[in-house]
N, C-alpha and C. Protein backbone atom coordinates (compact mmCIF):
# COMPACT_ATOMS: atom_id res chain seq x y z
N UNK A 1 0.78 -1.21 0.00
CA UNK A 1 0.00 0.00 0.00
C UNK A 1 0.82 1.28 0.00
N UNK A 2 2.15 1.24 -0.10
CA UNK A 2 2.90 2.50 -0.11
C UNK A 2 2.51 3.38 -1.29
N UNK A 3 2.15 2.76 -2.39
CA UNK A 3 1.77 3.55 -3.57
C UNK A 3 0.48 4.32 -3.29
N UNK A 4 -0.48 3.65 -2.65
CA UNK A 4 -1.75 4.31 -2.34
C UNK A 4 -1.52 5.44 -1.34
N UNK A 5 -0.61 5.24 -0.39
CA UNK A 5 -0.30 6.27 0.60
C UNK A 5 0.34 7.48 -0.08
N UNK A 6 1.25 7.24 -1.00
CA UNK A 6 1.90 8.34 -1.73
C UNK A 6 0.89 9.09 -2.57
N UNK A 7 -0.03 8.36 -3.17
CA UNK A 7 -1.07 9.00 -3.98
C UNK A 7 -1.99 9.86 -3.09
N UNK A 8 -2.33 9.34 -1.92
CA UNK A 8 -3.17 10.08 -0.98
C UNK A 8 -2.47 11.37 -0.55
N UNK A 9 -1.18 11.27 -0.23
CA UNK A 9 -0.42 12.45 0.18
C UNK A 9 -0.38 13.48 -0.95
N UNK A 10 -0.20 13.00 -2.17
CA UNK A 10 -0.16 13.92 -3.32
C UNK A 10 -1.51 14.64 -3.46
N UNK A 11 -2.60 13.90 -3.32
CA UNK A 11 -3.93 14.52 -3.43
C UNK A 11 -4.15 15.54 -2.32
N UNK A 12 -3.71 15.21 -1.11
CA UNK A 12 -3.87 16.14 0.01
C UNK A 12 -3.07 17.42 -0.23
N UNK A 13 -1.86 17.27 -0.71
CA UNK A 13 -1.02 18.44 -0.99
C UNK A 13 -1.62 19.29 -2.10
N UNK A 14 -2.15 18.64 -3.12
CA UNK A 14 -2.79 19.37 -4.22
C UNK A 14 -4.02 20.12 -3.73
N UNK A 15 -4.79 19.47 -2.86
CA UNK A 15 -5.98 20.10 -2.29
C UNK A 15 -5.58 21.32 -1.45
N UNK A 16 -4.55 21.16 -0.65
CA UNK A 16 -4.08 22.27 0.19
C UNK A 16 -3.59 23.43 -0.68
N UNK A 17 -2.88 23.12 -1.77
CA UNK A 17 -2.39 24.15 -2.67
C UNK A 17 -3.55 24.92 -3.30
N UNK A 18 -4.58 24.21 -3.74
CA UNK A 18 -5.76 24.87 -4.32
C UNK A 18 -6.43 25.78 -3.29
N UNK A 19 -6.53 25.30 -2.05
CA UNK A 19 -7.15 26.09 -0.99
C UNK A 19 -6.34 27.35 -0.72
N UNK A 20 -5.02 27.24 -0.62
CA UNK A 20 -4.17 28.39 -0.36
C UNK A 20 -4.23 29.40 -1.50
N UNK A 21 -4.27 28.91 -2.72
CA UNK A 21 -4.39 29.82 -3.87
C UNK A 21 -5.72 30.55 -3.85
N UNK A 22 -6.78 29.83 -3.47
CA UNK A 22 -8.11 30.43 -3.36
C UNK A 22 -8.09 31.55 -2.34
N UNK A 23 -7.50 31.29 -1.17
CA UNK A 23 -7.39 32.32 -0.13
C UNK A 23 -6.57 33.50 -0.61
N UNK A 24 -5.44 33.21 -1.28
CA UNK A 24 -4.58 34.29 -1.78
C UNK A 24 -5.34 35.17 -2.77
N UNK A 25 -6.08 34.54 -3.67
CA UNK A 25 -6.83 35.31 -4.67
C UNK A 25 -7.85 36.23 -3.99
N UNK A 26 -8.53 35.72 -2.97
CA UNK A 26 -9.49 36.54 -2.24
C UNK A 26 -8.81 37.70 -1.54
N UNK A 27 -7.66 37.44 -0.94
CA UNK A 27 -6.92 38.51 -0.26
C UNK A 27 -6.43 39.55 -1.26
N UNK A 28 -6.00 39.10 -2.44
CA UNK A 28 -5.55 40.05 -3.46
C UNK A 28 -6.69 40.95 -3.91
N UNK A 29 -7.90 40.38 -4.03
CA UNK A 29 -9.06 41.20 -4.40
C UNK A 29 -9.36 42.22 -3.31
N UNK A 30 -9.30 41.79 -2.06
CA UNK A 30 -9.55 42.71 -0.95
C UNK A 30 -8.50 43.81 -0.91
N UNK A 31 -7.25 43.45 -1.12
CA UNK A 31 -6.17 44.44 -1.12
C UNK A 31 -6.36 45.45 -2.24
N UNK A 32 -6.78 44.97 -3.41
CA UNK A 32 -7.02 45.88 -4.53
C UNK A 32 -8.15 46.86 -4.19
N UNK A 33 -9.18 46.37 -3.52
CA UNK A 33 -10.29 47.24 -3.14
C UNK A 33 -9.84 48.28 -2.12
N UNK A 34 -9.05 47.87 -1.15
CA UNK A 34 -8.55 48.81 -0.14
C UNK A 34 -7.64 49.84 -0.79
N UNK A 35 -6.78 49.40 -1.68
CA UNK A 35 -5.87 50.32 -2.37
C UNK A 35 -6.64 51.34 -3.19
N UNK A 36 -7.69 50.89 -3.85
CA UNK A 36 -8.52 51.81 -4.64
C UNK A 36 -9.22 52.82 -3.73
N UNK A 37 -9.70 52.37 -2.59
CA UNK A 37 -10.37 53.28 -1.65
C UNK A 37 -9.38 54.32 -1.12
N UNK A 38 -8.18 53.89 -0.81
CA UNK A 38 -7.14 54.82 -0.33
C UNK A 38 -6.83 55.85 -1.40
N UNK A 39 -6.66 55.39 -2.63
CA UNK A 39 -6.34 56.29 -3.73
C UNK A 39 -7.45 57.32 -3.93
N UNK A 40 -8.68 56.86 -3.88
CA UNK A 40 -9.82 57.76 -4.05
C UNK A 40 -9.85 58.82 -2.95
N UNK A 41 -9.65 58.40 -1.71
CA UNK A 41 -9.64 59.36 -0.60
C UNK A 41 -8.50 60.35 -0.73
N UNK A 42 -7.33 59.89 -1.13
CA UNK A 42 -6.20 60.79 -1.32
C UNK A 42 -6.51 61.84 -2.38
N UNK A 43 -7.13 61.41 -3.48
CA UNK A 43 -7.49 62.34 -4.54
C UNK A 43 -8.52 63.36 -4.05
N UNK A 44 -9.49 62.89 -3.28
CA UNK A 44 -10.51 63.80 -2.75
C UNK A 44 -9.90 64.82 -1.80
N UNK A 45 -8.98 64.37 -0.95
CA UNK A 45 -8.32 65.28 -0.01
C UNK A 45 -7.52 66.33 -0.77
N UNK A 46 -6.78 65.90 -1.79
CA UNK A 46 -6.00 66.85 -2.59
C UNK A 46 -6.91 67.86 -3.28
N UNK A 47 -8.02 67.36 -3.83
CA UNK A 47 -8.96 68.24 -4.52
C UNK A 47 -9.58 69.23 -3.54
N UNK A 48 -9.94 68.76 -2.35
CA UNK A 48 -10.53 69.65 -1.34
C UNK A 48 -9.53 70.71 -0.90
N UNK A 49 -8.28 70.33 -0.74
CA UNK A 49 -7.25 71.28 -0.31
C UNK A 49 -7.00 72.33 -1.38
N UNK A 50 -6.99 71.92 -2.64
CA UNK A 50 -6.75 72.89 -3.72
C UNK A 50 -7.96 73.81 -3.90
N UNK A 51 -9.15 73.32 -3.60
CA UNK A 51 -10.35 74.15 -3.71
C UNK A 51 -10.40 75.19 -2.60
N UNK A 52 -9.83 74.89 -1.46
CA UNK A 52 -9.82 75.82 -0.33
C UNK A 52 -8.76 76.90 -0.49
N UNK A 53 -7.77 76.64 -1.29
CA UNK A 53 -6.66 77.61 -1.45
C UNK A 53 -7.06 78.80 -2.28
């Protein structure tokens, strides 16, 4: 049964890799959203400051 055990380990590692990639992709989407929100706020602050001058 060593072959079956090696196959099981390979499947488990592949499953874990897919899960980690899924999590990474979600985090990248969240980071992109946060970065966009920061950029928007920075632009608004700059615009407000130039309008007050």
